[in-house]
PDB file of N, CA and C in Angstrom:
ATOM      1  N   MET A   1     -26.153  -0.470  19.256  1.00  0.00           N
ATOM      2  CA  MET A   1     -26.731  -0.359  17.651  1.00  0.00           C
ATOM      3  C   MET A   1     -26.460  -1.707  16.948  1.00  0.00           C
ATOM      4  N   ALA A   2     -27.235  -2.222  16.417  1.00  0.00           N
ATOM      5  CA  ALA A   2     -26.821  -3.416  15.420  1.00  0.00           C
ATOM      6  C   ALA A   2     -26.400  -3.050  14.057  1.00  0.00           C
ATOM      7  N   GLN A   3     -25.740  -3.737  13.468  1.00  0.00           N
ATOM      8  CA  GLN A   3     -25.078  -3.478  12.044  1.00  0.00           C
ATOM      9  C   GLN A   3     -25.926  -4.263  10.880  1.00  0.00           C
ATOM     10  N   TYR A   4     -26.230  -3.571   9.772  1.00  0.00           N
ATOM     11  CA  TYR A   4     -27.042  -4.152   8.762  1.00  0.00           C
ATOM     12  C   TYR A   4     -26.225  -3.915   7.571  1.00  0.00           C
ATOM     13  N   LEU A   5     -26.371  -4.797   6.588  1.00  0.00           N
ATOM     14  CA  LEU A   5     -25.936  -4.605   5.305  1.00  0.00           C
ATOM     15  C   LEU A   5     -27.035  -4.202   4.350  1.00  0.00           C
ATOM     16  N   VAL A   6     -27.059  -3.063   3.601  1.00  0.00           N
ATOM     17  CA  VAL A   6     -28.060  -2.719   2.590  1.00  0.00           C
ATOM     18  C   VAL A   6     -27.392  -2.989   1.229  1.00  0.00           C
ATOM     19  N   LEU A   7     -27.780  -4.347   0.617  1.00  0.00           N
ATOM     20  CA  LEU A   7     -27.018  -4.788  -0.519  1.00  0.00           C
ATOM     21  C   LEU A   7     -27.963  -4.148  -1.606  1.00  0.00           C
ATOM     22  N   ILE A   8     -27.166  -3.760  -2.730  1.00  0.00           N
ATOM     23  CA  ILE A   8     -27.890  -2.970  -3.982  1.00  0.00           C
ATOM     24  C   ILE A   8     -27.824  -3.979  -5.095  1.00  0.00           C
ATOM     25  N   TYR A   9     -28.923  -4.555  -5.655  1.00  0.00           N
ATOM     26  CA  TYR A   9     -28.996  -5.288  -6.710  1.00  0.00           C
ATOM     27  C   TYR A   9     -29.762  -4.802  -7.982  1.00  0.00           C
ATOM     28  N   GLU A  10     -29.090  -4.575  -8.956  1.00  0.00           N
ATOM     29  CA  GLU A  10     -29.803  -3.861  -9.981  1.00  0.00           C
ATOM     30  C   GLU A  10     -29.375  -4.574 -11.327  1.00  0.00           C
ATOM     31  N   ASN A  11     -30.117  -4.234 -12.441  1.00  0.00           N
ATOM     32  CA  ASN A  11     -29.826  -4.995 -13.743  1.00  0.00           C
ATOM     33  C   ASN A  11     -28.813  -4.114 -14.602  1.00  0.00           C
ATOM     34  N   GLU A  12     -27.490  -4.563 -14.591  1.00  0.00           N
ATOM     35  CA  GLU A  12     -26.679  -3.547 -15.275  1.00  0.00           C
ATOM     36  C   GLU A  12     -26.860  -3.228 -16.758  1.00  0.00           C
ATOM     37  N   ASN A  13     -27.566  -4.283 -17.492  1.00  0.00           N
ATOM     38  CA  ASN A  13     -27.913  -3.822 -18.883  1.00  0.00           C
ATOM     39  C   ASN A  13     -28.843  -2.556 -18.954  1.00  0.00           C
ATOM     40  N   ASP A  14     -29.675  -2.302 -17.801  1.00  0.00           N
ATOM     41  CA  ASP A  14     -30.431  -1.098 -17.889  1.00  0.00           C
ATOM     42  C   ASP A  14     -29.489   0.172 -18.055  1.00  0.00           C
ATOM     43  N   TYR A  15     -28.390   0.112 -17.098  1.00  0.00           N
ATOM     44  CA  TYR A  15     -27.586   1.145 -17.180  1.00  0.00           C
ATOM     45  C   TYR A  15     -26.956   1.300 -18.336  1.00  0.00           C
ATOM     46  N   ALA A  16     -26.328   0.282 -18.913  1.00  0.00           N
ATOM     47  CA  ALA A  16     -25.711   0.374 -20.249  1.00  0.00           C
ATOM     48  C   ALA A  16     -26.414   1.026 -21.232  1.00  0.00           C
ATOM     49  N   ASN A  17     -27.714   0.581 -21.353  1.00  0.00           N
ATOM     50  CA  ASN A  17     -28.664   1.046 -22.323  1.00  0.00           C
ATOM     51  C   ASN A  17     -29.353   2.380 -21.971  1.00  0.00           C
ATOM     52  N   ALA A  18     -29.054   2.959 -20.769  1.00  0.00           N
ATOM     53  CA  ALA A  18     -29.514   4.240 -20.371  1.00  0.00           C
ATOM     54  C   ALA A  18     -29.074   5.440 -20.972  1.00  0.00           C
ATOM     55  N   ASP A  19     -29.613   6.443 -21.188  1.00  0.00           N
ATOM     56  CA  ASP A  19     -29.076   7.699 -21.555  1.00  0.00           C
ATOM     57  C   ASP A  19     -27.976   8.085 -20.552  1.00  0.00           C
ATOM     58  N   PRO A  20     -26.716   8.516 -21.088  1.00  0.00           N
ATOM     59  CA  PRO A  20     -25.792   8.941 -20.185  1.00  0.00           C
ATOM     60  C   PRO A  20     -25.896   9.712 -18.867  1.00  0.00           C
ATOM     61  N   LYS A  21     -27.136  10.699 -18.966  1.00  0.00           N
ATOM     62  CA  LYS A  21     -27.256  11.500 -17.905  1.00  0.00           C
ATOM     63  C   LYS A  21     -27.867  10.679 -16.622  1.00  0.00           C
ATOM     64  N   VAL A  22     -28.470   9.525 -16.882  1.00  0.00           N
ATOM     65  CA  VAL A  22     -29.040   8.454 -15.788  1.00  0.00           C
ATOM     66  C   VAL A  22     -27.766   8.340 -14.646  1.00  0.00           C
ATOM     67  N   TYR A  23     -26.783   8.127 -15.203  1.00  0.00           N
ATOM     68  CA  TYR A  23     -25.718   7.640 -14.161  1.00  0.00           C
ATOM     69  C   TYR A  23     -25.454   9.013 -12.937  1.00  0.00           C
ATOM     70  N   GLY A  24     -25.420  10.171 -13.659  1.00  0.00           N
ATOM     71  CA  GLY A  24     -25.446  11.427 -12.992  1.00  0.00           C
ATOM     72  C   GLY A  24     -26.733  11.520 -12.180  1.00  0.00           C
ATOM     73  N   GLU A  25     -27.592  11.242 -12.584  1.00  0.00           N
ATOM     74  CA  GLU A  25     -29.036  11.263 -11.601  1.00  0.00           C
ATOM     75  C   GLU A  25     -28.838  10.190 -10.511  1.00  0.00           C
ATOM     76  N   VAL A  26     -28.461   8.786 -10.688  1.00  0.00           N
ATOM     77  CA  VAL A  26     -28.096   7.928  -9.736  1.00  0.00           C
ATOM     78  C   VAL A  26     -27.265   8.307  -8.764  1.00  0.00           C
ATOM     79  N   MET A  27     -26.045   9.088  -9.112  1.00  0.00           N
ATOM     80  CA  MET A  27     -24.972   9.444  -8.283  1.00  0.00           C
ATOM     81  C   MET A  27     -25.673  10.395  -7.405  1.00  0.00           C
ATOM     82  N   LYS A  28     -26.434  11.525  -7.868  1.00  0.00           N
ATOM     83  CA  LYS A  28     -27.015  12.593  -6.984  1.00  0.00           C
ATOM     84  C   LYS A  28     -27.903  11.915  -5.836  1.00  0.00           C
ATOM     85  N   ALA A  29     -28.861  10.947  -6.514  1.00  0.00           N
ATOM     86  CA  ALA A  29     -29.616  10.141  -5.357  1.00  0.00           C
ATOM     87  C   ALA A  29     -28.765   9.424  -4.371  1.00  0.00           C
ATOM     88  N   HIS A  30     -27.795   8.969  -4.647  1.00  0.00           N
ATOM     89  CA  HIS A  30     -26.817   8.328  -3.768  1.00  0.00           C
ATOM     90  C   HIS A  30     -26.241   9.435  -2.722  1.00  0.00           C
ATOM     91  N   ASP A  31     -25.819  10.569  -3.314  1.00  0.00           N
ATOM     92  CA  ASP A  31     -25.371  11.505  -2.388  1.00  0.00           C
ATOM     93  C   ASP A  31     -26.488  12.167  -1.542  1.00  0.00           C
ATOM     94  N   ARG A  32     -27.610  12.126  -1.965  1.00  0.00           N
ATOM     95  CA  ARG A  32     -28.844  12.560  -1.045  1.00  0.00           C
ATOM     96  C   ARG A  32     -29.021  11.494   0.052  1.00  0.00           C
ATOM     97  N   PHE A  33     -28.912  10.106  -0.411  1.00  0.00           N
ATOM     98  CA  PHE A  33     -29.217   9.277   0.553  1.00  0.00           C
ATOM     99  C   PHE A  33     -28.073   9.232   1.726  1.00  0.00           C
ATOM    100  N   SER A  34     -26.790   9.583   1.290  1.00  0.00           N
ATOM    101  CA  SER A  34     -25.698   9.558   2.186  1.00  0.00           C
ATOM    102  C   SER A  34     -25.896  10.864   2.995  1.00  0.00           C
ATOM    103  N   GLU A  35     -26.341  11.999   2.654  1.00  0.00           N
ATOM    104  CA  GLU A  35     -26.775  13.146   3.260  1.00  0.00           C
ATOM    105  C   GLU A  35     -27.807  12.737   4.309  1.00  0.00           C
ATOM    106  N   GLN A  36     -28.881  12.091   3.714  1.00  0.00           N
ATOM    107  CA  GLN A  36     -29.978  11.824   4.802  1.00  0.00           C
ATOM    108  C   GLN A  36     -29.639  10.958   5.820  1.00  0.00           C
ATOM    109  N   TRP A  37     -28.819   9.954   5.705  1.00  0.00           N
ATOM    110  CA  TRP A  37     -28.643   8.868   6.521  1.00  0.00           C
ATOM    111  C   TRP A  37     -27.163   8.776   7.061  1.00  0.00           C
ATOM    112  N   GLY A  38     -26.474   9.744   6.942  1.00  0.00           N
ATOM    113  CA  GLY A  38     -24.970   9.790   7.411  1.00  0.00           C
ATOM    114  C   GLY A  38     -24.519   9.254   8.407  1.00  0.00           C
ATOM    115  N   ASP A  39     -25.269   9.724   9.606  1.00  0.00           N
ATOM    116  CA  ASP A  39     -25.130   9.417  11.006  1.00  0.00           C
ATOM    117  C   ASP A  39     -25.130   7.876  11.278  1.00  0.00           C
ATOM    118  N   ALA A  40     -26.008   7.230  10.051  1.00  0.00           N
ATOM    119  CA  ALA A  40     -26.233   5.760  10.359  1.00  0.00           C
ATOM    120  C   ALA A  40     -25.197   4.870   9.390  1.00  0.00           C
ATOM    121  N   ILE A  41     -24.584   5.606   8.468  1.00  0.00           N
ATOM    122  CA  ILE A  41     -23.761   4.929   7.531  1.00  0.00           C
ATOM    123  C   ILE A  41     -22.582   4.712   8.012  1.00  0.00           C
ATOM    124  N   VAL A  42     -22.058   3.523   8.077  1.00  0.00           N
ATOM    125  CA  VAL A  42     -20.546   3.322   8.727  1.00  0.00           C
ATOM    126  C   VAL A  42     -19.716   3.062   7.594  1.00  0.00           C
ATOM    127  N   GLY A  43     -20.070   2.607   6.341  1.00  0.00           N
ATOM    128  CA  GLY A  43     -19.191   2.411   5.026  1.00  0.00           C
ATOM    129  C   GLY A  43     -20.010   1.960   3.981  1.00  0.00           C
ATOM    130  N   GLY A  44     -19.410   1.808   2.902  1.00  0.00           N
ATOM    131  CA  GLY A  44     -20.033   1.382   1.563  1.00  0.00           C
ATOM    132  C   GLY A  44     -19.113   1.496   0.402  1.00  0.00           C
ATOM    133  N   ASN A  45     -19.500   0.916  -0.597  1.00  0.00           N
ATOM    134  CA  ASN A  45     -18.729   0.928  -1.784  1.00  0.00           C
ATOM    135  C   ASN A  45     -19.665   0.578  -3.067  1.00  0.00           C
ATOM    136  N   ALA A  46     -19.447   1.146  -4.142  1.00  0.00           N
ATOM    137  CA  ALA A  46     -19.963   0.549  -5.608  1.00  0.00           C
ATOM    138  C   ALA A  46     -18.836  -0.663  -5.925  1.00  0.00           C
ATOM    139  N   LEU A  47     -19.401  -1.588  -6.593  1.00  0.00           N
ATOM    140  CA  LEU A  47     -18.601  -2.569  -7.284  1.00  0.00           C
ATOM    141  C   LEU A  47     -18.343  -2.448  -8.723  1.00  0.00           C
ATOM    142  N   LYS A  48     -17.253  -2.853  -8.994  1.00  0.00           N
ATOM    143  CA  LYS A  48     -17.171  -2.858 -10.614  1.00  0.00           C
ATOM    144  C   LYS A  48     -18.099  -3.984 -11.307  1.00  0.00           C
ATOM    145  N   GLY A  49     -18.416  -3.750 -12.539  1.00  0.00           N
ATOM    146  CA  GLY A  49     -19.409  -4.581 -13.094  1.00  0.00           C
ATOM    147  C   GLY A  49     -19.073  -6.166 -13.084  1.00  0.00           C
ATOM    148  N   SER A  50     -20.241  -6.875 -13.215  1.00  0.00           N
ATOM    149  CA  SER A  50     -20.352  -8.449 -12.749  1.00  0.00           C
ATOM    150  C   SER A  50     -19.185  -9.028 -13.993  1.00  0.00           C
ATOM    151  N   ASP A  51     -18.909  -8.225 -15.182  1.00  0.00           N
ATOM    152  CA  ASP A  51     -17.840  -9.129 -16.066  1.00  0.00           C
ATOM    153  C   ASP A  51     -16.538  -9.036 -15.397  1.00  0.00           C
ATOM    154  N   THR A  52     -16.503  -8.252 -14.334  1.00  0.00           N
ATOM    155  CA  THR A  52     -14.961  -8.459 -13.617  1.00  0.00           C
ATOM    156  C   THR A  52     -14.835  -9.490 -12.546  1.00  0.00           C
ATOM    157  N   ALA A  53     -15.955 -10.000 -12.272  1.00  0.00           N
ATOM    158  CA  ALA A  53     -16.014 -10.994 -11.139  1.00  0.00           C
ATOM    159  C   ALA A  53     -15.378 -12.282 -11.335  1.00  0.00           C
ATOM    160  N   THR A  54     -14.823 -12.910 -10.398  1.00  0.00           N
ATOM    161  CA  THR A  54     -14.286 -14.276 -10.288  1.00  0.00           C
ATOM    162  C   THR A  54     -15.111 -14.993  -9.254  1.00  0.00           C
ATOM    163  N   THR A  55     -15.484 -16.233  -9.571  1.00  0.00           N
ATOM    164  CA  THR A  55     -16.188 -17.193  -8.595  1.00  0.00           C
ATOM    165  C   THR A  55     -15.179 -18.259  -8.225  1.00  0.00           C
ATOM    166  N   VAL A  56     -15.208 -18.458  -7.120  1.00  0.00           N
ATOM    167  CA  VAL A  56     -14.336 -19.696  -6.378  1.00  0.00           C
ATOM    168  C   VAL A  56     -15.461 -20.593  -5.508  1.00  0.00           C
ATOM    169  N   ARG A  57     -15.402 -21.936  -5.919  1.00  0.00           N
ATOM    170  CA  ARG A  57     -16.278 -22.718  -5.463  1.00  0.00           C
ATOM    171  C   ARG A  57     -15.594 -24.014  -5.168  1.00  0.00           C
ATOM    172  N   GLY A  58     -14.854 -24.250  -3.889  1.00  0.00           N
ATOM    173  CA  GLY A  58     -14.048 -25.317  -3.579  1.00  0.00           C
ATOM    174  C   GLY A  58     -12.681 -24.815  -4.329  1.00  0.00           C
ATOM    175  N   ASP A  59     -12.060 -25.727  -5.003  1.00  0.00           N
ATOM    176  CA  ASP A  59     -10.814 -25.542  -5.807  1.00  0.00           C
ATOM    177  C   ASP A  59     -11.070 -25.073  -7.230  1.00  0.00           C
ATOM    178  N   VAL A  60     -12.295 -24.897  -7.562  1.00  0.00           N
ATOM    179  CA  VAL A  60     -12.590 -24.275  -9.052  1.00  0.00           C
ATOM    180  C   VAL A  60     -12.698 -22.844  -9.210  1.00  0.00           C
ATOM    181  N   VAL A  61     -12.030 -22.371 -10.048  1.00  0.00           N
ATOM    182  CA  VAL A  61     -12.242 -20.888 -10.133  1.00  0.00           C
ATOM    183  C   VAL A  61     -12.663 -20.508 -11.642  1.00  0.00           C
ATOM    184  N   THR A  62     -13.637 -19.687 -11.657  1.00  0.00           N
ATOM    185  CA  THR A  62     -14.523 -19.594 -12.785  1.00  0.00           C
ATOM    186  C   THR A  62     -14.504 -18.014 -13.038  1.00  0.00           C
ATOM    187  N   ASP A  63     -14.276 -17.570 -14.209  1.00  0.00           N
ATOM    188  CA  ASP A  63     -14.635 -16.120 -14.669  1.00  0.00           C
ATOM    189  C   ASP A  63     -16.044 -15.771 -14.490  1.00  0.00           C
ATOM    190  N   GLY A  64     -16.273 -14.770 -13.973  1.00  0.00           N
ATOM    191  CA  GLY A  64     -17.645 -14.258 -14.110  1.00  0.00           C
ATOM    192  C   GLY A  64     -18.578 -14.666 -12.844  1.00  0.00           C
ATOM    193  N   VAL A  65     -19.521 -14.097 -12.717  1.00  0.00           N
ATOM    194  CA  VAL A  65     -20.486 -14.368 -11.407  1.00  0.00           C
ATOM    195  C   VAL A  65     -21.052 -15.957 -11.728  1.00  0.00           C
ATOM    196  N   PHE A  66     -21.329 -16.500 -10.620  1.00  0.00           N
ATOM    197  CA  PHE A  66     -21.795 -17.979 -10.621  1.00  0.00           C
ATOM    198  C   PHE A  66     -23.258 -17.977 -10.858  1.00  0.00           C
ATOM    199  N   VAL A  67     -24.163 -17.235 -10.626  1.00  0.00           N
ATOM    200  CA  VAL A  67     -25.542 -17.429 -10.901  1.00  0.00           C
ATOM    201  C   VAL A  67     -25.895 -16.582 -11.783  1.00  0.00           C
ATOM    202  N   GLU A  68     -26.950 -16.962 -12.884  1.00  0.00           N
ATOM    203  CA  GLU A  68     -27.362 -16.212 -14.068  1.00  0.00           C
ATOM    204  C   GLU A  68     -28.532 -15.433 -13.503  1.00  0.00           C
ATOM    205  N   SER A  69     -28.410 -14.142 -13.616  1.00  0.00           N
ATOM    206  CA  SER A  69     -29.354 -13.308 -12.988  1.00  0.00           C
ATOM    207  C   SER A  69     -29.541 -12.005 -13.639  1.00  0.00           C
ATOM    208  N   LYS A  70     -30.868 -11.534 -13.923  1.00  0.00           N
ATOM    209  CA  LYS A  70     -30.853 -10.116 -14.328  1.00  0.00           C
ATOM    210  C   LYS A  70     -30.157  -8.948 -13.531  1.00  0.00           C
ATOM    211  N   GLU A  71     -30.362  -9.343 -12.062  1.00  0.00           N
ATOM    212  CA  GLU A  71     -29.863  -8.484 -11.112  1.00  0.00           C
ATOM    213  C   GLU A  71     -28.566  -8.771 -10.452  1.00  0.00           C
ATOM    214  N   VAL A  72     -27.735  -8.104 -10.526  1.00  0.00           N
ATOM    215  CA  VAL A  72     -26.433  -8.499  -9.940  1.00  0.00           C
ATOM    216  C   VAL A  72     -26.018  -7.401  -8.709  1.00  0.00           C
ATOM    217  N   LEU A  73     -25.176  -7.827  -7.676  1.00  0.00           N
ATOM    218  CA  LEU A  73     -24.790  -6.950  -6.607  1.00  0.00           C
ATOM    219  C   LEU A  73     -24.130  -5.927  -7.175  1.00  0.00           C
ATOM    220  N   GLY A  74     -24.138  -4.593  -6.713  1.00  0.00           N
ATOM    221  CA  GLY A  74     -23.601  -3.430  -7.443  1.00  0.00           C
ATOM    222  C   GLY A  74     -22.968  -2.777  -6.587  1.00  0.00           C
ATOM    223  N   GLY A  75     -23.364  -2.781  -5.328  1.00  0.00           N
ATOM    224  CA  GLY A  75     -22.827  -2.114  -4.271  1.00  0.00           C
ATOM    225  C   GLY A  75     -23.514  -2.356  -2.904  1.00  0.00           C
ATOM    226  N   TYR A  76     -23.029  -1.519  -1.638  1.00  0.00           N
ATOM    227  CA  TYR A  76     -23.421  -1.985  -0.589  1.00  0.00           C
ATOM    228  C   TYR A  76     -23.373  -0.702   0.305  1.00  0.00           C
ATOM    229  N   TYR A  77     -24.098  -0.472   1.482  1.00  0.00           N
ATOM    230  CA  TYR A  77     -23.824   0.219   2.535  1.00  0.00           C
ATOM    231  C   TYR A  77     -23.917  -0.404   3.759  1.00  0.00           C
ATOM    232  N   LEU A  78     -22.937  -0.157   4.767  1.00  0.00           N
ATOM    233  CA  LEU A  78     -23.050  -0.577   6.109  1.00  0.00           C
ATOM    234  C   LEU A  78     -23.600   0.059   6.983  1.00  0.00           C
ATOM    235  N   ILE A  79     -24.610  -0.093   7.622  1.00  0.00           N
ATOM    236  CA  ILE A  79     -25.219   0.779   8.233  1.00  0.00           C
ATOM    237  C   ILE A  79     -25.530   0.336   9.924  1.00  0.00           C
ATOM    238  N   GLU A  80     -25.514   1.316  10.912  1.00  0.00           N
ATOM    239  CA  GLU A  80     -25.896   1.073  12.012  1.00  0.00           C
ATOM    240  C   GLU A  80     -27.413   1.540  12.445  1.00  0.00           C
ATOM    241  N   ALA A  81     -28.203   0.529  12.995  1.00  0.00           N
ATOM    242  CA  ALA A  81     -29.549   0.898  13.391  1.00  0.00           C
ATOM    243  C   ALA A  81     -30.013   0.374  14.671  1.00  0.00           C
ATOM    244  N   ALA A  82     -30.963   0.969  15.359  1.00  0.00           N
ATOM    245  CA  ALA A  82     -31.357   0.526  16.493  1.00  0.00           C
ATOM    246  C   ALA A  82     -32.192  -0.955  16.516  1.00  0.00           C
ATOM    247  N   ASP A  83     -32.878  -1.201  15.242  1.00  0.00           N
ATOM    248  CA  ASP A  83     -33.652  -2.453  15.040  1.00  0.00           C
ATOM    249  C   ASP A  83     -33.667  -2.618  13.578  1.00  0.00           C
ATOM    250  N   LEU A  84     -34.536  -3.689  13.335  1.00  0.00           N
ATOM    251  CA  LEU A  84     -34.657  -4.160  11.990  1.00  0.00           C
ATOM    252  C   LEU A  84     -35.653  -2.987  11.451  1.00  0.00           C
ATOM    253  N   ASP A  85     -36.537  -2.700  11.985  1.00  0.00           N
ATOM    254  CA  ASP A  85     -37.774  -1.474  11.613  1.00  0.00           C
ATOM    255  C   ASP A  85     -36.878  -0.382  11.083  1.00  0.00           C
ATOM    256  N   ARG A  86     -35.859   0.139  11.744  1.00  0.00           N
ATOM    257  CA  ARG A  86     -35.005   1.398  11.423  1.00  0.00           C
ATOM    258  C   ARG A  86     -34.313   1.000  10.213  1.00  0.00           C
ATOM    259  N   ALA A  87     -33.552  -0.185  10.196  1.00  0.00           N
ATOM    260  CA  ALA A  87     -32.795  -0.549   9.042  1.00  0.00           C
ATOM    261  C   ALA A  87     -33.580  -0.573   7.763  1.00  0.00           C
ATOM    262  N   LEU A  88     -34.815  -1.211   7.818  1.00  0.00           N
ATOM    263  CA  LEU A  88     -35.716  -1.168   6.743  1.00  0.00           C
ATOM    264  C   LEU A  88     -36.225   0.095   6.195  1.00  0.00           C
ATOM    265  N   GLU A  89     -36.268   1.022   7.093  1.00  0.00           N
ATOM    266  CA  GLU A  89     -36.519   2.588   6.743  1.00  0.00           C
ATOM    267  C   GLU A  89     -35.457   3.128   5.882  1.00  0.00           C
ATOM    268  N   ILE A  90     -34.170   2.925   6.468  1.00  0.00           N
ATOM    269  CA  ILE A  90     -33.026   3.353   5.796  1.00  0.00           C
ATOM    270  C   ILE A  90     -33.035   2.516   4.406  1.00  0.00           C
ATOM    271  N   GLY A  91     -33.173   1.401   4.480  1.00  0.00           N
ATOM    272  CA  GLY A  91     -32.972   0.547   3.286  1.00  0.00           C
ATOM    273  C   GLY A  91     -34.071   1.056   2.104  1.00  0.00           C
ATOM    274  N   LYS A  92     -35.214   1.271   2.449  1.00  0.00           N
ATOM    275  CA  LYS A  92     -36.371   1.479   1.616  1.00  0.00           C
ATOM    276  C   LYS A  92     -35.952   3.093   0.769  1.00  0.00           C
ATOM    277  N   SER A  93     -34.997   3.721   1.267  1.00  0.00           N
ATOM    278  CA  SER A  93     -34.631   4.940   0.785  1.00  0.00           C
ATOM    279  C   SER A  93     -33.419   4.944   0.017  1.00  0.00           C
ATOM    280  N   CYS A  94     -32.725   3.915  -0.169  1.00  0.00           N
ATOM    281  CA  CYS A  94     -31.588   3.709  -0.790  1.00  0.00           C
ATOM    282  C   CYS A  94     -31.915   3.322  -2.447  1.00  0.00           C
ATOM    283  N   PRO A  95     -31.060   4.347  -3.090  1.00  0.00           N
ATOM    284  CA  PRO A  95     -31.419   4.341  -4.540  1.00  0.00           C
ATOM    285  C   PRO A  95     -31.086   3.156  -5.108  1.00  0.00           C
ATOM    286  N   ALA A  96     -31.905   2.531  -5.890  1.00  0.00           N
ATOM    287  CA  ALA A  96     -31.634   1.395  -6.820  1.00  0.00           C
ATOM    288  C   ALA A  96     -32.702   1.397  -7.837  1.00  0.00           C
ATOM    289  N   ARG A  97     -32.272   2.208  -8.868  1.00  0.00           N
ATOM    290  CA  ARG A  97     -33.162   2.573  -9.884  1.00  0.00           C
ATOM    291  C   ARG A  97     -33.634   1.427 -10.682  1.00  0.00           C
ATOM    292  N   PHE A  98     -32.908   0.657 -10.883  1.00  0.00           N
ATOM    293  CA  PHE A  98     -33.163  -0.492 -11.862  1.00  0.00           C
ATOM    294  C   PHE A  98     -33.236  -1.893 -11.079  1.00  0.00           C
ATOM    295  N   GLY A  99     -33.408  -1.815  -9.732  1.00  0.00           N
ATOM    296  CA  GLY A  99     -33.657  -3.166  -9.087  1.00  0.00           C
ATOM    297  C   GLY A  99     -34.108  -2.749  -7.934  1.00  0.00           C
ATOM    298  N   GLY A 100     -33.443  -3.341  -6.726  1.00  0.00           N
ATOM    299  CA  GLY A 100     -34.009  -3.300  -5.344  1.00  0.00           C
ATOM    300  C   GLY A 100     -32.821  -3.462  -4.360  1.00  0.00           C
ATOM    301  N   VAL A 101     -33.031  -3.577  -3.199  1.00  0.00           N
ATOM    302  CA  VAL A 101     -32.079  -3.590  -2.097  1.00  0.00           C
ATOM    303  C   VAL A 101     -32.669  -4.959  -1.212  1.00  0.00           C
ATOM    304  N   GLU A 102     -31.479  -5.372  -0.594  1.00  0.00           N
ATOM    305  CA  GLU A 102     -31.555  -6.471   0.335  1.00  0.00           C
ATOM    306  C   GLU A 102     -30.972  -5.905   1.541  1.00  0.00           C
ATOM    307  N   VAL A 103     -31.838  -6.026   2.837  1.00  0.00           N
ATOM    308  CA  VAL A 103     -31.213  -5.679   4.050  1.00  0.00           C
ATOM    309  C   VAL A 103     -31.067  -6.931   4.873  1.00  0.00           C
ATOM    310  N   ARG A 104     -29.882  -7.082   5.252  1.00  0.00           N
ATOM    311  CA  ARG A 104     -29.358  -8.159   6.205  1.00  0.00           C
ATOM    312  C   ARG A 104     -28.646  -7.847   7.185  1.00  0.00           C
ATOM    313  N   PRO A 105     -29.034  -8.201   8.488  1.00  0.00           N
ATOM    314  CA  PRO A 105     -28.260  -8.147   9.817  1.00  0.00           C
ATOM    315  C   PRO A 105     -26.819  -8.836   9.574  1.00  0.00           C
ATOM    316  N   VAL A 106     -25.839  -7.946  10.366  1.00  0.00           N
ATOM    317  CA  VAL A 106     -24.542  -8.465  10.374  1.00  0.00           C
ATOM    318  C   VAL A 106     -24.661  -9.462  11.442  1.00  0.00           C
ATOM    319  N   MET A 107     -23.907 -10.604  11.305  1.00  0.00           N
ATOM    320  CA  MET A 107     -23.983 -11.547  12.788  1.00  0.00           C
ATOM    321  C   MET A 107     -22.800 -11.079  13.570  1.00  0.00           C
ATOM    322  N   THR A 108     -23.218 -11.127  14.896  1.00  0.00           N
ATOM    323  CA  THR A 108     -22.514 -10.811  15.971  1.00  0.00           C
ATOM    324  C   THR A 108     -22.159 -12.174  16.744  1.00  0.00           C
ATOM    325  N   TYR A 109     -20.865 -12.089  17.110  1.00  0.00           N
ATOM    326  CA  TYR A 109     -20.531 -13.546  18.061  1.00  0.00           C
ATOM    327  C   TYR A 109     -20.210 -13.299  19.337  1.00  0.00           C
TER     328      TYR A 109
END
């Protein structure tokens, strides 16, 4: 089995401006995703907001994210799948209410 990262990119402002029940709905969607694909999920986490990020480029340290973007990395799942087609099937069902996901293979050496 190969490993893939399902990277979740969303617009943080959409969450900040949403009705409070939206967060609960999103969490339930992730619970359903985890139940559906639990046998393929190796791990994953949500990330704190981009306002907590610190970027390092060479020896320069900067508060915040480096790239200006509406969508930021908000979390990820590490999955195992037989091939890219299966990984994409899993990725398509990953909740990303205010954005999308990126599926990338983990490099093996």
